[in-house]
Amino acid sequence: MLIVAQTIGSLAAFSLIMVGVFSEDFMSLHTSWSSVFFLSNLAVLVLLGASLFTHVRYMKPIAYYGFVVAVINLLFVLAYNTPLFEWFTVFTALGYVGSLVYNMFKAELKP
């Protein structure tokens, strides 16, 4: 499950780059890549959280935060289509990535 999450994460990263390449001046391409990003990001959040949740060194508060971020992303995909909510979704996902990095750092320090 972790390998699948990493593979889909690569697609999410590429689609985020393409969202930047095709600004809102190219609305159809921007919207298409944005949709790919948010759907793949949602899949990564769920798969990553599910695959790491039972890991011994995975901090449970970070796991719960990851699931909250997944719900926020799902709400954006289903209901809200505003730039403010879009940016909020991206920053909460990046906060989750930062939390995962912190978790890995702390896990390496433990014997």
PDB file of N, CA and C in Angstrom:
ATOM      1  N   MET A   1       0.821  -1.190   0.000  1.00  0.00           N
ATOM      2  CA  MET A   1       0.000   0.000   0.000  1.00  0.00           C
ATOM      3  C   MET A   1       0.874   1.266   0.000  1.00  0.00           C
ATOM      4  N   LEU A   2       2.001   1.186   0.690  1.00  0.00           N
ATOM      5  CA  LEU A   2       2.908   2.334   0.738  1.00  0.00           C
ATOM      6  C   LEU A   2       3.518   2.623  -0.637  1.00  0.00           C
ATOM      7  N   ILE A   3       3.852   1.582  -1.377  1.00  0.00           N
ATOM      8  CA  ILE A   3       4.420   1.761  -2.724  1.00  0.00           C
ATOM      9  C   ILE A   3       3.382   2.370  -3.659  1.00  0.00           C
ATOM     10  N   VAL A   4       2.146   1.951  -3.542  1.00  0.00           N
ATOM     11  CA  VAL A   4       1.075   2.531  -4.350  1.00  0.00           C
ATOM     12  C   VAL A   4       0.905   4.007  -3.997  1.00  0.00           C
ATOM     13  N   ALA A   5       0.951   4.335  -2.714  1.00  0.00           N
ATOM     14  CA  ALA A   5       0.839   5.730  -2.277  1.00  0.00           C
ATOM     15  C   ALA A   5       1.985   6.575  -2.840  1.00  0.00           C
ATOM     16  N   GLN A   6       3.194   6.018  -2.851  1.00  0.00           N
ATOM     17  CA  GLN A   6       4.338   6.753  -3.405  1.00  0.00           C
ATOM     18  C   GLN A   6       4.196   6.956  -4.913  1.00  0.00           C
ATOM     19  N   THR A   7       3.691   5.957  -5.606  1.00  0.00           N
ATOM     20  CA  THR A   7       3.503   6.073  -7.048  1.00  0.00           C
ATOM     21  C   THR A   7       2.453   7.130  -7.381  1.00  0.00           C
ATOM     22  N   ILE A   8       1.330   7.075  -6.672  1.00  0.00           N
ATOM     23  CA  ILE A   8       0.294   8.085  -6.889  1.00  0.00           C
ATOM     24  C   ILE A   8       0.795   9.457  -6.439  1.00  0.00           C
ATOM     25  N   GLY A   9       1.625   9.488  -5.409  1.00  0.00           N
ATOM     26  CA  GLY A   9       2.217  10.748  -4.955  1.00  0.00           C
ATOM     27  C   GLY A   9       3.094  11.383  -6.021  1.00  0.00           C
ATOM     28  N   SER A  10       3.779  10.570  -6.795  1.00  0.00           N
ATOM     29  CA  SER A  10       4.578  11.100  -7.906  1.00  0.00           C
ATOM     30  C   SER A  10       3.676  11.751  -8.950  1.00  0.00           C
ATOM     31  N   LEU A  11       2.530  11.132  -9.224  1.00  0.00           N
ATOM     32  CA  LEU A  11       1.556  11.728 -10.139  1.00  0.00           C
ATOM     33  C   LEU A  11       1.022  13.035  -9.563  1.00  0.00           C
ATOM     34  N   ALA A  12       0.752  13.057  -8.259  1.00  0.00           N
ATOM     35  CA  ALA A  12       0.261  14.282  -7.617  1.00  0.00           C
ATOM     36  C   ALA A  12       1.295  15.398  -7.716  1.00  0.00           C
ATOM     37  N   ALA A  13       2.561  15.059  -7.509  1.00  0.00           N
ATOM     38  CA  ALA A  13       3.627  16.062  -7.591  1.00  0.00           C
ATOM     39  C   ALA A  13       3.738  16.610  -9.016  1.00  0.00           C
ATOM     40  N   PHE A  14       3.689  15.726  -9.997  1.00  0.00           N
ATOM     41  CA  PHE A  14       3.778  16.170 -11.396  1.00  0.00           C
ATOM     42  C   PHE A  14       2.571  17.033 -11.760  1.00  0.00           C
ATOM     43  N   SER A  15       1.387  16.625 -11.310  1.00  0.00           N
ATOM     44  CA  SER A  15       0.201  17.407 -11.645  1.00  0.00           C
ATOM     45  C   SER A  15       0.227  18.774 -10.961  1.00  0.00           C
ATOM     46  N   LEU A  16       0.822  18.868  -9.774  1.00  0.00           N
ATOM     47  CA  LEU A  16       0.951  20.170  -9.115  1.00  0.00           C
ATOM     48  C   LEU A  16       1.894  21.081  -9.896  1.00  0.00           C
ATOM     49  N   ILE A  17       2.941  20.499 -10.448  1.00  0.00           N
ATOM     50  CA  ILE A  17       3.838  21.275 -11.316  1.00  0.00           C
ATOM     51  C   ILE A  17       3.069  21.785 -12.534  1.00  0.00           C
ATOM     52  N   MET A  18       2.254  20.909 -13.116  1.00  0.00           N
ATOM     53  CA  MET A  18       1.496  21.304 -14.302  1.00  0.00           C
ATOM     54  C   MET A  18       0.440  22.361 -13.993  1.00  0.00           C
ATOM     55  N   VAL A  19      -0.095  22.356 -12.775  1.00  0.00           N
ATOM     56  CA  VAL A  19      -1.020  23.414 -12.373  1.00  0.00           C
ATOM     57  C   VAL A  19      -0.298  24.758 -12.406  1.00  0.00           C
ATOM     58  N   GLY A  20       0.970  24.767 -11.998  1.00  0.00           N
ATOM     59  CA  GLY A  20       1.756  25.996 -12.052  1.00  0.00           C
ATOM     60  C   GLY A  20       2.144  26.391 -13.465  1.00  0.00           C
ATOM     61  N   VAL A  21       2.396  25.410 -14.307  1.00  0.00           N
ATOM     62  CA  VAL A  21       2.774  25.693 -15.703  1.00  0.00           C
ATOM     63  C   VAL A  21       1.594  26.302 -16.446  1.00  0.00           C
ATOM     64  N   PHE A  22       0.417  25.715 -16.264  1.00  0.00           N
ATOM     65  CA  PHE A  22      -0.782  26.223 -16.933  1.00  0.00           C
ATOM     66  C   PHE A  22      -1.571  27.064 -15.948  1.00  0.00           C
ATOM     67  N   SER A  23      -1.315  28.357 -15.973  1.00  0.00           N
ATOM     68  CA  SER A  23      -2.004  29.276 -15.063  1.00  0.00           C
ATOM     69  C   SER A  23      -3.479  29.353 -15.439  1.00  0.00           C
ATOM     70  N   GLU A  24      -4.207  30.167 -14.730  1.00  0.00           N
ATOM     71  CA  GLU A  24      -5.637  30.290 -14.997  1.00  0.00           C
ATOM     72  C   GLU A  24      -5.930  30.954 -16.328  1.00  0.00           C
ATOM     73  N   ASP A  25      -4.906  31.439 -17.018  1.00  0.00           N
ATOM     74  CA  ASP A  25      -5.097  31.943 -18.378  1.00  0.00           C
ATOM     75  C   ASP A  25      -5.448  30.801 -19.330  1.00  0.00           C
ATOM     76  N   PHE A  26      -5.008  29.596 -18.994  1.00  0.00           N
ATOM     77  CA  PHE A  26      -5.319  28.391 -19.755  1.00  0.00           C
ATOM     78  C   PHE A  26      -6.290  27.561 -18.921  1.00  0.00           C
ATOM     79  N   MET A  27      -7.503  28.090 -18.748  1.00  0.00           N
ATOM     80  CA  MET A  27      -8.421  27.565 -17.739  1.00  0.00           C
ATOM     81  C   MET A  27      -8.722  26.077 -17.897  1.00  0.00           C
ATOM     82  N   SER A  28      -8.923  25.576 -19.103  1.00  0.00           N
ATOM     83  CA  SER A  28      -9.290  24.161 -19.243  1.00  0.00           C
ATOM     84  C   SER A  28      -8.141  23.253 -18.812  1.00  0.00           C
ATOM     85  N   LEU A  29      -6.908  23.587 -19.208  1.00  0.00           N
ATOM     86  CA  LEU A  29      -5.756  22.780 -18.793  1.00  0.00           C
ATOM     87  C   LEU A  29      -5.482  22.936 -17.300  1.00  0.00           C
ATOM     88  N   HIS A  30      -5.608  24.148 -16.798  1.00  0.00           N
ATOM     89  CA  HIS A  30      -5.398  24.395 -15.373  1.00  0.00           C
ATOM     90  C   HIS A  30      -6.402  23.585 -14.538  1.00  0.00           C
ATOM     91  N   THR A  31      -7.665  23.612 -14.950  1.00  0.00           N
ATOM     92  CA  THR A  31      -8.702  22.888 -14.227  1.00  0.00           C
ATOM     93  C   THR A  31      -8.479  21.374 -14.296  1.00  0.00           C
ATOM     94  N   SER A  32      -8.075  20.891 -15.454  1.00  0.00           N
ATOM     95  CA  SER A  32      -7.832  19.455 -15.605  1.00  0.00           C
ATOM     96  C   SER A  32      -6.701  18.987 -14.696  1.00  0.00           C
ATOM     97  N   TRP A  33      -5.573  19.701 -14.736  1.00  0.00           N
ATOM     98  CA  TRP A  33      -4.441  19.310 -13.890  1.00  0.00           C
ATOM     99  C   TRP A  33      -4.746  19.504 -12.415  1.00  0.00           C
ATOM    100  N   SER A  34      -5.537  20.522 -12.103  1.00  0.00           N
ATOM    101  CA  SER A  34      -5.933  20.746 -10.717  1.00  0.00           C
ATOM    102  C   SER A  34      -6.793  19.587 -10.215  1.00  0.00           C
ATOM    103  N   SER A  35      -7.688  19.110 -11.042  1.00  0.00           N
ATOM    104  CA  SER A  35      -8.525  17.967 -10.669  1.00  0.00           C
ATOM    105  C   SER A  35      -7.681  16.719 -10.454  1.00  0.00           C
ATOM    106  N   VAL A  36      -6.721  16.498 -11.341  1.00  0.00           N
ATOM    107  CA  VAL A  36      -5.827  15.345 -11.177  1.00  0.00           C
ATOM    108  C   VAL A  36      -5.062  15.467  -9.864  1.00  0.00           C
ATOM    109  N   PHE A  37      -4.577  16.665  -9.567  1.00  0.00           N
ATOM    110  CA  PHE A  37      -3.827  16.856  -8.327  1.00  0.00           C
ATOM    111  C   PHE A  37      -4.679  16.553  -7.100  1.00  0.00           C
ATOM    112  N   PHE A  38      -5.864  17.148  -7.005  1.00  0.00           N
ATOM    113  CA  PHE A  38      -6.652  16.989  -5.791  1.00  0.00           C
ATOM    114  C   PHE A  38      -7.166  15.558  -5.612  1.00  0.00           C
ATOM    115  N   LEU A  39      -7.504  14.889  -6.693  1.00  0.00           N
ATOM    116  CA  LEU A  39      -7.940  13.493  -6.577  1.00  0.00           C
ATOM    117  C   LEU A  39      -6.785  12.573  -6.198  1.00  0.00           C
ATOM    118  N   SER A  40      -5.621  12.787  -6.829  1.00  0.00           N
ATOM    119  CA  SER A  40      -4.472  11.944  -6.484  1.00  0.00           C
ATOM    120  C   SER A  40      -3.961  12.274  -5.088  1.00  0.00           C
ATOM    121  N   ASN A  41      -4.020  13.538  -4.690  1.00  0.00           N
ATOM    122  CA  ASN A  41      -3.611  13.920  -3.331  1.00  0.00           C
ATOM    123  C   ASN A  41      -4.512  13.259  -2.295  1.00  0.00           C
ATOM    124  N   LEU A  42      -5.798  13.205  -2.568  1.00  0.00           N
ATOM    125  CA  LEU A  42      -6.733  12.538  -1.672  1.00  0.00           C
ATOM    126  C   LEU A  42      -6.378  11.049  -1.539  1.00  0.00           C
ATOM    127  N   ALA A  43      -6.095  10.411  -2.661  1.00  0.00           N
ATOM    128  CA  ALA A  43      -5.720   8.986  -2.627  1.00  0.00           C
ATOM    129  C   ALA A  43      -4.441   8.778  -1.822  1.00  0.00           C
ATOM    130  N   VAL A  44      -3.472   9.658  -2.005  1.00  0.00           N
ATOM    131  CA  VAL A  44      -2.210   9.542  -1.264  1.00  0.00           C
ATOM    132  C   VAL A  44      -2.445   9.704   0.231  1.00  0.00           C
ATOM    133  N   LEU A  45      -3.236  10.680   0.616  1.00  0.00           N
ATOM    134  CA  LEU A  45      -3.501  10.908   2.039  1.00  0.00           C
ATOM    135  C   LEU A  45      -4.153   9.693   2.688  1.00  0.00           C
ATOM    136  N   VAL A  46      -5.124   9.112   2.021  1.00  0.00           N
ATOM    137  CA  VAL A  46      -5.818   7.953   2.587  1.00  0.00           C
ATOM    138  C   VAL A  46      -4.900   6.732   2.617  1.00  0.00           C
ATOM    139  N   LEU A  47      -4.227   6.450   1.501  1.00  0.00           N
ATOM    140  CA  LEU A  47      -3.348   5.277   1.444  1.00  0.00           C
ATOM    141  C   LEU A  47      -2.180   5.386   2.411  1.00  0.00           C
ATOM    142  N   LEU A  48      -1.591   6.562   2.488  1.00  0.00           N
ATOM    143  CA  LEU A  48      -0.459   6.763   3.383  1.00  0.00           C
ATOM    144  C   LEU A  48      -0.877   6.625   4.844  1.00  0.00           C
ATOM    145  N   GLY A  49      -1.990   7.241   5.187  1.00  0.00           N
ATOM    146  CA  GLY A  49      -2.475   7.130   6.551  1.00  0.00           C
ATOM    147  C   GLY A  49      -2.815   5.697   6.924  1.00  0.00           C
ATOM    148  N   ALA A  50      -3.458   4.984   6.008  1.00  0.00           N
ATOM    149  CA  ALA A  50      -3.842   3.595   6.283  1.00  0.00           C
ATOM    150  C   ALA A  50      -2.621   2.683   6.374  1.00  0.00           C
ATOM    151  N   SER A  51      -1.628   2.925   5.540  1.00  0.00           N
ATOM    152  CA  SER A  51      -0.461   2.042   5.548  1.00  0.00           C
ATOM    153  C   SER A  51       0.464   2.305   6.732  1.00  0.00           C
ATOM    154  N   LEU A  52       0.518   3.525   7.218  1.00  0.00           N
ATOM    155  CA  LEU A  52       1.421   3.840   8.321  1.00  0.00           C
ATOM    156  C   LEU A  52       0.755   3.783   9.696  1.00  0.00           C
ATOM    157  N   PHE A  53      -0.555   3.717   9.742  1.00  0.00           N
ATOM    158  CA  PHE A  53      -1.274   3.820  11.013  1.00  0.00           C
ATOM    159  C   PHE A  53      -0.851   2.753  12.018  1.00  0.00           C
ATOM    160  N   THR A  54      -0.585   1.563  11.563  1.00  0.00           N
ATOM    161  CA  THR A  54      -0.224   0.483  12.486  1.00  0.00           C
ATOM    162  C   THR A  54       1.278   0.389  12.741  1.00  0.00           C
ATOM    163  N   HIS A  55       2.065   1.248  12.111  1.00  0.00           N
ATOM    164  CA  HIS A  55       3.512   1.218  12.315  1.00  0.00           C
ATOM    165  C   HIS A  55       3.829   1.651  13.745  1.00  0.00           C
ATOM    166  N   VAL A  56       4.769   0.963  14.368  1.00  0.00           N
ATOM    167  CA  VAL A  56       5.098   1.195  15.772  1.00  0.00           C
ATOM    168  C   VAL A  56       5.614   2.613  16.014  1.00  0.00           C
ATOM    169  N   ARG A  57       6.409   3.149  15.101  1.00  0.00           N
ATOM    170  CA  ARG A  57       7.028   4.469  15.310  1.00  0.00           C
ATOM    171  C   ARG A  57       6.250   5.621  14.682  1.00  0.00           C
ATOM    172  N   TYR A  58       5.065   5.346  14.190  1.00  0.00           N
ATOM    173  CA  TYR A  58       4.232   6.389  13.586  1.00  0.00           C
ATOM    174  C   TYR A  58       3.409   7.044  14.683  1.00  0.00           C
ATOM    175  N   MET A  59       3.604   8.340  14.890  1.00  0.00           N
ATOM    176  CA  MET A  59       2.915   9.060  15.961  1.00  0.00           C
ATOM    177  C   MET A  59       1.423   9.175  15.644  1.00  0.00           C
ATOM    178  N   LYS A  60       0.625   8.729  16.561  1.00  0.00           N
ATOM    179  CA  LYS A  60      -0.827   8.704  16.338  1.00  0.00           C
ATOM    180  C   LYS A  60      -1.434  10.092  16.118  1.00  0.00           C
ATOM    181  N   PRO A  61      -1.005  11.164  16.811  1.00  0.00           N
ATOM    182  CA  PRO A  61      -1.573  12.481  16.492  1.00  0.00           C
ATOM    183  C   PRO A  61      -1.326  12.899  15.035  1.00  0.00           C
ATOM    184  N   ILE A  62      -0.186  12.541  14.507  1.00  0.00           N
ATOM    185  CA  ILE A  62       0.095  12.845  13.094  1.00  0.00           C
ATOM    186  C   ILE A  62      -0.818  12.023  12.202  1.00  0.00           C
ATOM    187  N   ALA A  63      -1.079  10.790  12.591  1.00  0.00           N
ATOM    188  CA  ALA A  63      -1.993   9.945  11.823  1.00  0.00           C
ATOM    189  C   ALA A  63      -3.393  10.554  11.787  1.00  0.00           C
ATOM    190  N   TYR A  64      -3.868  10.998  12.940  1.00  0.00           N
ATOM    191  CA  TYR A  64      -5.196  11.609  12.991  1.00  0.00           C
ATOM    192  C   TYR A  64      -5.234  12.902  12.173  1.00  0.00           C
ATOM    193  N   TYR A  65      -4.174  13.685  12.249  1.00  0.00           N
ATOM    194  CA  TYR A  65      -4.104  14.908  11.447  1.00  0.00           C
ATOM    195  C   TYR A  65      -4.178  14.568   9.958  1.00  0.00           C
ATOM    196  N   GLY A  66      -3.508  13.499   9.554  1.00  0.00           N
ATOM    197  CA  GLY A  66      -3.549  13.071   8.154  1.00  0.00           C
ATOM    198  C   GLY A  66      -4.956  12.728   7.702  1.00  0.00           C
ATOM    199  N   PHE A  67      -5.718  12.071   8.573  1.00  0.00           N
ATOM    200  CA  PHE A  67      -7.093  11.741   8.210  1.00  0.00           C
ATOM    201  C   PHE A  67      -7.974  12.986   8.163  1.00  0.00           C
ATOM    202  N   VAL A  68      -7.722  13.942   9.044  1.00  0.00           N
ATOM    203  CA  VAL A  68      -8.460  15.215   9.001  1.00  0.00           C
ATOM    204  C   VAL A  68      -8.155  15.948   7.696  1.00  0.00           C
ATOM    205  N   VAL A  69      -6.889  15.944   7.280  1.00  0.00           N
ATOM    206  CA  VAL A  69      -6.508  16.578   6.021  1.00  0.00           C
ATOM    207  C   VAL A  69      -7.196  15.881   4.849  1.00  0.00           C
ATOM    208  N   ALA A  70      -7.318  14.563   4.913  1.00  0.00           N
ATOM    209  CA  ALA A  70      -8.008  13.820   3.851  1.00  0.00           C
ATOM    210  C   ALA A  70      -9.483  14.225   3.767  1.00  0.00           C
ATOM    211  N   VAL A  71     -10.109  14.419   4.919  1.00  0.00           N
ATOM    212  CA  VAL A  71     -11.513  14.852   4.933  1.00  0.00           C
ATOM    213  C   VAL A  71     -11.637  16.262   4.355  1.00  0.00           C
ATOM    214  N   ILE A  72     -10.711  17.142   4.720  1.00  0.00           N
ATOM    215  CA  ILE A  72     -10.713  18.504   4.165  1.00  0.00           C
ATOM    216  C   ILE A  72     -10.561  18.449   2.648  1.00  0.00           C
ATOM    217  N   ASN A  73      -9.662  17.611   2.177  1.00  0.00           N
ATOM    218  CA  ASN A  73      -9.463  17.467   0.738  1.00  0.00           C
ATOM    219  C   ASN A  73     -10.721  16.920   0.069  1.00  0.00           C
ATOM    220  N   LEU A  74     -11.354  15.956   0.696  1.00  0.00           N
ATOM    221  CA  LEU A  74     -12.587  15.384   0.147  1.00  0.00           C
ATOM    222  C   LEU A  74     -13.691  16.428   0.075  1.00  0.00           C
ATOM    223  N   LEU A  75     -13.808  17.254   1.110  1.00  0.00           N
ATOM    224  CA  LEU A  75     -14.807  18.331   1.088  1.00  0.00           C
ATOM    225  C   LEU A  75     -14.548  19.286  -0.070  1.00  0.00           C
ATOM    226  N   PHE A  76     -13.279  19.592  -0.307  1.00  0.00           N
ATOM    227  CA  PHE A  76     -12.959  20.480  -1.427  1.00  0.00           C
ATOM    228  C   PHE A  76     -13.364  19.841  -2.745  1.00  0.00           C
ATOM    229  N   VAL A  77     -13.035  18.566  -2.916  1.00  0.00           N
ATOM    230  CA  VAL A  77     -13.346  17.882  -4.170  1.00  0.00           C
ATOM    231  C   VAL A  77     -14.853  17.812  -4.392  1.00  0.00           C
ATOM    232  N   LEU A  78     -15.605  17.571  -3.334  1.00  0.00           N
ATOM    233  CA  LEU A  78     -17.046  17.365  -3.481  1.00  0.00           C
ATOM    234  C   LEU A  78     -17.878  18.642  -3.458  1.00  0.00           C
ATOM    235  N   ALA A  79     -17.492  19.609  -2.637  1.00  0.00           N
ATOM    236  CA  ALA A  79     -18.429  20.698  -2.387  1.00  0.00           C
ATOM    237  C   ALA A  79     -17.906  22.083  -2.712  1.00  0.00           C
ATOM    238  N   TYR A  80     -16.779  22.433  -2.155  1.00  0.00           N
ATOM    239  CA  TYR A  80     -16.330  23.825  -2.227  1.00  0.00           C
ATOM    240  C   TYR A  80     -15.354  24.002  -3.381  1.00  0.00           C
ATOM    241  N   ASN A  81     -15.612  25.007  -4.183  1.00  0.00           N
ATOM    242  CA  ASN A  81     -14.735  25.259  -5.315  1.00  0.00           C
ATOM    243  C   ASN A  81     -14.301  26.728  -5.286  1.00  0.00           C
ATOM    244  N   THR A  82     -13.643  27.098  -4.200  1.00  0.00           N
ATOM    245  CA  THR A  82     -13.166  28.465  -4.063  1.00  0.00           C
ATOM    246  C   THR A  82     -11.646  28.451  -3.951  1.00  0.00           C
ATOM    247  N   PRO A  83     -10.979  29.473  -4.449  1.00  0.00           N
ATOM    248  CA  PRO A  83      -9.516  29.513  -4.355  1.00  0.00           C
ATOM    249  C   PRO A  83      -9.003  29.472  -2.916  1.00  0.00           C
ATOM    250  N   LEU A  84      -9.725  30.114  -1.985  1.00  0.00           N
ATOM    251  CA  LEU A  84      -9.288  30.119  -0.589  1.00  0.00           C
ATOM    252  C   LEU A  84      -9.276  28.701  -0.015  1.00  0.00           C
ATOM    253  N   PHE A  85     -10.323  27.947  -0.275  1.00  0.00           N
ATOM    254  CA  PHE A  85     -10.383  26.569   0.212  1.00  0.00           C
ATOM    255  C   PHE A  85      -9.352  25.701  -0.501  1.00  0.00           C
ATOM    256  N   GLU A  86      -9.111  25.990  -1.762  1.00  0.00           N
ATOM    257  CA  GLU A  86      -8.088  25.267  -2.523  1.00  0.00           C
ATOM    258  C   GLU A  86      -6.712  25.465  -1.884  1.00  0.00           C
ATOM    259  N   TRP A  87      -6.354  26.691  -1.570  1.00  0.00           N
ATOM    260  CA  TRP A  87      -5.063  26.965  -0.937  1.00  0.00           C
ATOM    261  C   TRP A  87      -4.993  26.356   0.462  1.00  0.00           C
ATOM    262  N   PHE A  88      -6.109  26.421   1.204  1.00  0.00           N
ATOM    263  CA  PHE A  88      -6.149  25.825   2.533  1.00  0.00           C
ATOM    264  C   PHE A  88      -5.884  24.326   2.448  1.00  0.00           C
ATOM    265  N   THR A  89      -6.469  23.679   1.455  1.00  0.00           N
ATOM    266  CA  THR A  89      -6.259  22.246   1.248  1.00  0.00           C
ATOM    267  C   THR A  89      -4.799  21.942   0.954  1.00  0.00           C
ATOM    268  N   VAL A  90      -4.184  22.725   0.095  1.00  0.00           N
ATOM    269  CA  VAL A  90      -2.776  22.508  -0.261  1.00  0.00           C
ATOM    270  C   VAL A  90      -1.887  22.704   0.966  1.00  0.00           C
ATOM    271  N   PHE A  91      -2.113  23.768   1.731  1.00  0.00           N
ATOM    272  CA  PHE A  91      -1.248  24.032   2.885  1.00  0.00           C
ATOM    273  C   PHE A  91      -1.435  23.013   4.007  1.00  0.00           C
ATOM    274  N   THR A  92      -2.657  22.513   4.202  1.00  0.00           N
ATOM    275  CA  THR A  92      -2.830  21.472   5.209  1.00  0.00           C
ATOM    276  C   THR A  92      -2.145  20.178   4.774  1.00  0.00           C
ATOM    277  N   ALA A  93      -2.169  19.881   3.483  1.00  0.00           N
ATOM    278  CA  ALA A  93      -1.463  18.694   2.982  1.00  0.00           C
ATOM    279  C   ALA A  93       0.047  18.860   3.135  1.00  0.00           C
ATOM    280  N   LEU A  94       0.554  20.061   2.871  1.00  0.00           N
ATOM    281  CA  LEU A  94       1.987  20.297   3.058  1.00  0.00           C
ATOM    282  C   LEU A  94       2.360  20.238   4.540  1.00  0.00           C
ATOM    283  N   GLY A  95       1.453  20.674   5.405  1.00  0.00           N
ATOM    284  CA  GLY A  95       1.683  20.532   6.841  1.00  0.00           C
ATOM    285  C   GLY A  95       1.766  19.075   7.253  1.00  0.00           C
ATOM    286  N   TYR A  96       0.973  18.228   6.608  1.00  0.00           N
ATOM    287  CA  TYR A  96       1.027  16.795   6.878  1.00  0.00           C
ATOM    288  C   TYR A  96       2.361  16.218   6.419  1.00  0.00           C
ATOM    289  N   VAL A  97       2.836  16.651   5.275  1.00  0.00           N
ATOM    290  CA  VAL A  97       4.146  16.201   4.797  1.00  0.00           C
ATOM    291  C   VAL A  97       5.234  16.614   5.786  1.00  0.00           C
ATOM    292  N   GLY A  98       5.170  17.854   6.257  1.00  0.00           N
ATOM    293  CA  GLY A  98       6.142  18.306   7.254  1.00  0.00           C
ATOM    294  C   GLY A  98       6.056  17.499   8.541  1.00  0.00           C
ATOM    295  N   SER A  99       4.849  17.147   8.948  1.00  0.00           N
ATOM    296  CA  SER A  99       4.680  16.314  10.143  1.00  0.00           C
ATOM    297  C   SER A  99       5.277  14.925   9.942  1.00  0.00           C
ATOM    298  N   LEU A 100       5.129  14.382   8.747  1.00  0.00           N
ATOM    299  CA  LEU A 100       5.731  13.080   8.449  1.00  0.00           C
ATOM    300  C   LEU A 100       7.251  13.144   8.502  1.00  0.00           C
ATOM    301  N   VAL A 101       7.814  14.231   8.016  1.00  0.00           N
ATOM    302  CA  VAL A 101       9.270  14.405   8.083  1.00  0.00           C
ATOM    303  C   VAL A 101       9.714  14.476   9.544  1.00  0.00           C
ATOM    304  N   TYR A 102       8.984  15.222  10.351  1.00  0.00           N
ATOM    305  CA  TYR A 102       9.283  15.303  11.783  1.00  0.00           C
ATOM    306  C   TYR A 102       9.195  13.923  12.427  1.00  0.00           C
ATOM    307  N   ASN A 103       8.161  13.174  12.071  1.00  0.00           N
ATOM    308  CA  ASN A 103       7.981  11.827  12.608  1.00  0.00           C
ATOM    309  C   ASN A 103       9.171  10.928  12.237  1.00  0.00           C
ATOM    310  N   MET A 104       9.617  11.023  11.001  1.00  0.00           N
ATOM    311  CA  MET A 104      10.758  10.201  10.573  1.00  0.00           C
ATOM    312  C   MET A 104      12.025  10.611  11.310  1.00  0.00           C
ATOM    313  N   PHE A 105      12.209  11.910  11.531  1.00  0.00           N
ATOM    314  CA  PHE A 105      13.359  12.411  12.257  1.00  0.00           C
ATOM    315  C   PHE A 105      13.365  11.876  13.678  1.00  0.00           C
ATOM    316  N   LYS A 106      12.220  11.972  14.365  1.00  0.00           N
ATOM    317  CA  LYS A 106      12.118  11.491  15.740  1.00  0.00           C
ATOM    318  C   LYS A 106      12.273   9.969  15.810  1.00  0.00           C
ATOM    319  N   ALA A 107      11.766   9.260  14.818  1.00  0.00           N
ATOM    320  CA  ALA A 107      11.881   7.790  14.810  1.00  0.00           C
ATOM    321  C   ALA A 107      13.317   7.348  14.645  1.00  0.00           C
ATOM    322  N   GLU A 108      14.110   8.111  13.919  1.00  0.00           N
ATOM    323  CA  GLU A 108      15.533   7.753  13.729  1.00  0.00           C
ATOM    324  C   GLU A 108      16.336   7.967  14.999  1.00  0.00           C
ATOM    325  N   LEU A 109      15.891   8.875  15.864  1.00  0.00           N
ATOM    326  CA  LEU A 109      16.624   9.143  17.100  1.00  0.00           C
ATOM    327  C   LEU A 109      16.389   8.085  18.164  1.00  0.00           C
ATOM    328  N   LYS A 110      15.281   7.352  18.051  1.00  0.00           N
ATOM    329  CA  LYS A 110      14.972   6.323  19.042  1.00  0.00           C
ATOM    330  C   LYS A 110      15.841   5.078  18.782  1.00  0.00           C
ATOM    331  N   PRO A 111      16.298   4.441  19.834  1.00  0.00           N
ATOM    332  CA  PRO A 111      17.103   3.226  19.639  1.00  0.00           C
ATOM    333  C   PRO A 111      16.277   2.041  19.205  1.00  0.00           C
TER     334      PRO A 111
END
